[in-house]
Amino acid sequence: MPVQVNLDEVLKARGMSLTELSEKVGLTLANLSILKTGKAKAIRFSTLEALCRVLNCQPGDLLRYSGD
């Protein structure tokens, strides 16, 4: 898939676990896991906004376009 999710890298840089992020964002661990592993087909802007707010980052820090 040409769009890749860098959630794992951002979490490591922030010293935060997926469980902690789940609690702060209000999403299930299962949904965040799907996003983290790159198996998600889409992401809502409200979810992206919540992730950026909690992780103090920009959407470009979480998503990368590889063109492949």
N, C-alpha and C. Protein backbone atom coordinates (compact mmCIF):
# COMPACT_ATOMS: atom_id res chain seq x y z
N MET A 1 0.85 -1.18 0.00
CA MET A 1 0.00 0.00 0.00
C MET A 1 0.89 1.24 0.00
N PRO A 2 0.62 2.20 -0.86
CA PRO A 2 1.47 3.38 -0.96
C PRO A 2 1.47 4.31 0.25
N VAL A 3 0.36 4.34 1.02
CA VAL A 3 0.33 5.17 2.22
C VAL A 3 0.65 4.28 3.42
N GLN A 4 1.69 4.65 4.14
CA GLN A 4 2.12 3.86 5.29
C GLN A 4 1.91 4.65 6.57
N VAL A 5 1.59 3.92 7.63
CA VAL A 5 1.34 4.54 8.93
C VAL A 5 2.58 4.36 9.81
N ASN A 6 3.07 5.47 10.34
CA ASN A 6 4.27 5.46 11.18
C ASN A 6 3.93 5.57 12.67
N LEU A 7 2.80 5.04 13.06
CA LEU A 7 2.35 5.17 14.44
C LEU A 7 3.34 4.54 15.41
N ASP A 8 3.90 3.41 15.06
CA ASP A 8 4.84 2.73 15.94
C ASP A 8 6.06 3.61 16.24
N GLU A 9 6.60 4.25 15.21
CA GLU A 9 7.77 5.11 15.39
C GLU A 9 7.45 6.32 16.26
N VAL A 10 6.28 6.91 16.05
CA VAL A 10 5.89 8.08 16.84
C VAL A 10 5.66 7.68 18.30
N LEU A 11 5.05 6.53 18.52
CA LEU A 11 4.85 6.05 19.89
C LEU A 11 6.18 5.82 20.60
N LYS A 12 7.13 5.21 19.91
CA LYS A 12 8.46 4.96 20.50
C LYS A 12 9.14 6.28 20.85
N ALA A 13 9.04 7.25 19.95
CA ALA A 13 9.67 8.56 20.19
C ALA A 13 9.05 9.27 21.39
N ARG A 14 7.76 9.01 21.65
CA ARG A 14 7.07 9.65 22.77
C ARG A 14 7.13 8.81 24.04
N GLY A 15 7.67 7.60 23.94
CA GLY A 15 7.73 6.72 25.10
C GLY A 15 6.35 6.30 25.58
N MET A 16 5.45 6.09 24.63
CA MET A 16 4.06 5.78 24.96
C MET A 16 3.69 4.40 24.41
N SER A 17 2.90 3.68 25.17
CA SER A 17 2.44 2.37 24.71
C SER A 17 1.13 2.54 23.93
N LEU A 18 0.79 1.52 23.17
CA LEU A 18 -0.45 1.53 22.42
C LEU A 18 -1.65 1.54 23.38
N THR A 19 -1.51 0.86 24.49
CA THR A 19 -2.58 0.84 25.50
C THR A 19 -2.81 2.23 26.07
N GLU A 20 -1.74 2.94 26.39
CA GLU A 20 -1.85 4.29 26.91
C GLU A 20 -2.49 5.22 25.88
N LEU A 21 -2.07 5.08 24.63
CA LEU A 21 -2.65 5.90 23.57
C LEU A 21 -4.14 5.62 23.42
N SER A 22 -4.50 4.35 23.50
CA SER A 22 -5.90 3.94 23.40
C SER A 22 -6.75 4.64 24.45
N GLU A 23 -6.27 4.67 25.67
CA GLU A 23 -6.99 5.31 26.76
C GLU A 23 -7.12 6.82 26.55
N LYS A 24 -6.06 7.46 26.08
CA LYS A 24 -6.06 8.91 25.92
C LYS A 24 -6.87 9.37 24.72
N VAL A 25 -6.90 8.55 23.67
CA VAL A 25 -7.61 8.93 22.45
C VAL A 25 -9.07 8.49 22.48
N GLY A 26 -9.35 7.43 23.22
CA GLY A 26 -10.71 6.93 23.29
C GLY A 26 -11.05 5.96 22.18
N LEU A 27 -10.03 5.31 21.62
CA LEU A 27 -10.24 4.28 20.61
C LEU A 27 -9.88 2.93 21.19
N THR A 28 -10.48 1.89 20.64
CA THR A 28 -10.17 0.56 21.14
C THR A 28 -8.75 0.17 20.77
N LEU A 29 -8.19 -0.69 21.57
CA LEU A 29 -6.85 -1.20 21.31
C LEU A 29 -6.82 -1.94 19.97
N ALA A 30 -7.90 -2.66 19.68
CA ALA A 30 -7.98 -3.41 18.41
C ALA A 30 -7.92 -2.47 17.20
N ASN A 31 -8.66 -1.36 17.25
CA ASN A 31 -8.65 -0.42 16.13
C ASN A 31 -7.30 0.26 15.97
N LEU A 32 -6.66 0.61 17.07
CA LEU A 32 -5.33 1.21 16.98
C LEU A 32 -4.30 0.20 16.47
N SER A 33 -4.46 -1.04 16.84
CA SER A 33 -3.56 -2.09 16.38
C SER A 33 -3.67 -2.27 14.86
N ILE A 34 -4.90 -2.23 14.35
CA ILE A 34 -5.11 -2.33 12.90
C ILE A 34 -4.44 -1.16 12.19
N LEU A 35 -4.56 0.01 12.76
CA LEU A 35 -3.92 1.20 12.18
C LEU A 35 -2.41 1.08 12.25
N LYS A 36 -1.90 0.66 13.38
CA LYS A 36 -0.46 0.54 13.59
C LYS A 36 0.19 -0.46 12.64
N THR A 37 -0.49 -1.57 12.38
CA THR A 37 0.08 -2.61 11.52
C THR A 37 -0.10 -2.33 10.04
N GLY A 38 -0.80 -1.24 9.71
CA GLY A 38 -0.97 -0.88 8.30
C GLY A 38 -2.10 -1.63 7.62
N LYS A 39 -2.96 -2.27 8.38
CA LYS A 39 -4.05 -3.03 7.78
C LYS A 39 -5.32 -2.21 7.61
N ALA A 40 -5.32 -0.97 8.09
CA ALA A 40 -6.49 -0.10 7.97
C ALA A 40 -6.65 0.35 6.53
N LYS A 41 -7.87 0.41 6.07
CA LYS A 41 -8.18 0.86 4.71
C LYS A 41 -8.45 2.36 4.67
N ALA A 42 -8.79 2.93 5.83
CA ALA A 42 -9.13 4.35 5.90
C ALA A 42 -8.94 4.84 7.33
N ILE A 43 -8.89 6.16 7.47
CA ILE A 43 -8.83 6.76 8.80
C ILE A 43 -9.70 8.02 8.78
N ARG A 44 -10.50 8.19 9.79
CA ARG A 44 -11.34 9.37 9.90
C ARG A 44 -10.49 10.56 10.30
N PHE A 45 -10.89 11.73 9.81
CA PHE A 45 -10.17 12.95 10.20
C PHE A 45 -10.26 13.17 11.70
N SER A 46 -11.36 12.82 12.30
CA SER A 46 -11.50 13.00 13.75
C SER A 46 -10.52 12.10 14.50
N THR A 47 -10.27 10.91 13.98
CA THR A 47 -9.28 10.00 14.59
C THR A 47 -7.89 10.56 14.40
N LEU A 48 -7.59 11.02 13.20
CA LEU A 48 -6.28 11.60 12.92
C LEU A 48 -6.04 12.83 13.79
N GLU A 49 -7.07 13.65 13.95
CA GLU A 49 -6.96 14.84 14.80
C GLU A 49 -6.68 14.45 16.25
N ALA A 50 -7.38 13.45 16.75
CA ALA A 50 -7.18 13.01 18.14
C ALA A 50 -5.77 12.45 18.33
N LEU A 51 -5.30 11.67 17.37
CA LEU A 51 -3.94 11.12 17.47
C LEU A 51 -2.91 12.25 17.48
N CYS A 52 -3.08 13.22 16.60
CA CYS A 52 -2.13 14.34 16.54
C CYS A 52 -2.15 15.16 17.82
N ARG A 53 -3.34 15.34 18.39
CA ARG A 53 -3.46 16.11 19.64
C ARG A 53 -2.74 15.40 20.78
N VAL A 54 -3.00 14.12 20.94
CA VAL A 54 -2.42 13.35 22.05
C VAL A 54 -0.91 13.16 21.85
N LEU A 55 -0.50 12.90 20.62
CA LEU A 55 0.92 12.64 20.35
C LEU A 55 1.71 13.92 20.07
N ASN A 56 1.02 15.06 20.03
CA ASN A 56 1.66 16.35 19.75
C ASN A 56 2.48 16.27 18.47
N CYS A 57 1.80 15.91 17.38
CA CYS A 57 2.49 15.77 16.10
C CYS A 57 1.61 16.27 14.97
N GLN A 58 2.12 16.23 13.77
CA GLN A 58 1.39 16.60 12.57
C GLN A 58 0.96 15.33 11.83
N PRO A 59 -0.08 15.41 10.98
CA PRO A 59 -0.50 14.23 10.22
C PRO A 59 0.65 13.60 9.42
N GLY A 60 1.54 14.43 8.90
CA GLY A 60 2.68 13.92 8.15
C GLY A 60 3.66 13.12 8.98
N ASP A 61 3.62 13.29 10.30
CA ASP A 61 4.46 12.46 11.17
C ASP A 61 3.90 11.05 11.29
N LEU A 62 2.60 10.92 11.07
CA LEU A 62 1.93 9.61 11.21
C LEU A 62 1.77 8.88 9.88
N LEU A 63 1.64 9.64 8.78
CA LEU A 63 1.39 9.05 7.49
C LEU A 63 2.51 9.39 6.51
N ARG A 64 2.85 8.39 5.69
CA ARG A 64 3.90 8.60 4.68
C ARG A 64 3.45 7.98 3.37
N TYR A 65 3.67 8.69 2.28
CA TYR A 65 3.34 8.19 0.96
C TYR A 65 4.61 7.68 0.29
N SER A 66 4.60 6.40 -0.08
CA SER A 66 5.81 5.80 -0.66
C SER A 66 5.75 5.74 -2.18
N GLY A 67 4.56 5.82 -2.76
CA GLY A 67 4.44 5.79 -4.22
C GLY A 67 4.62 4.42 -4.83
N ASP A 68 4.78 3.39 -4.02
CA ASP A 68 4.98 2.02 -4.56
C ASP A 68 3.67 1.32 -4.74
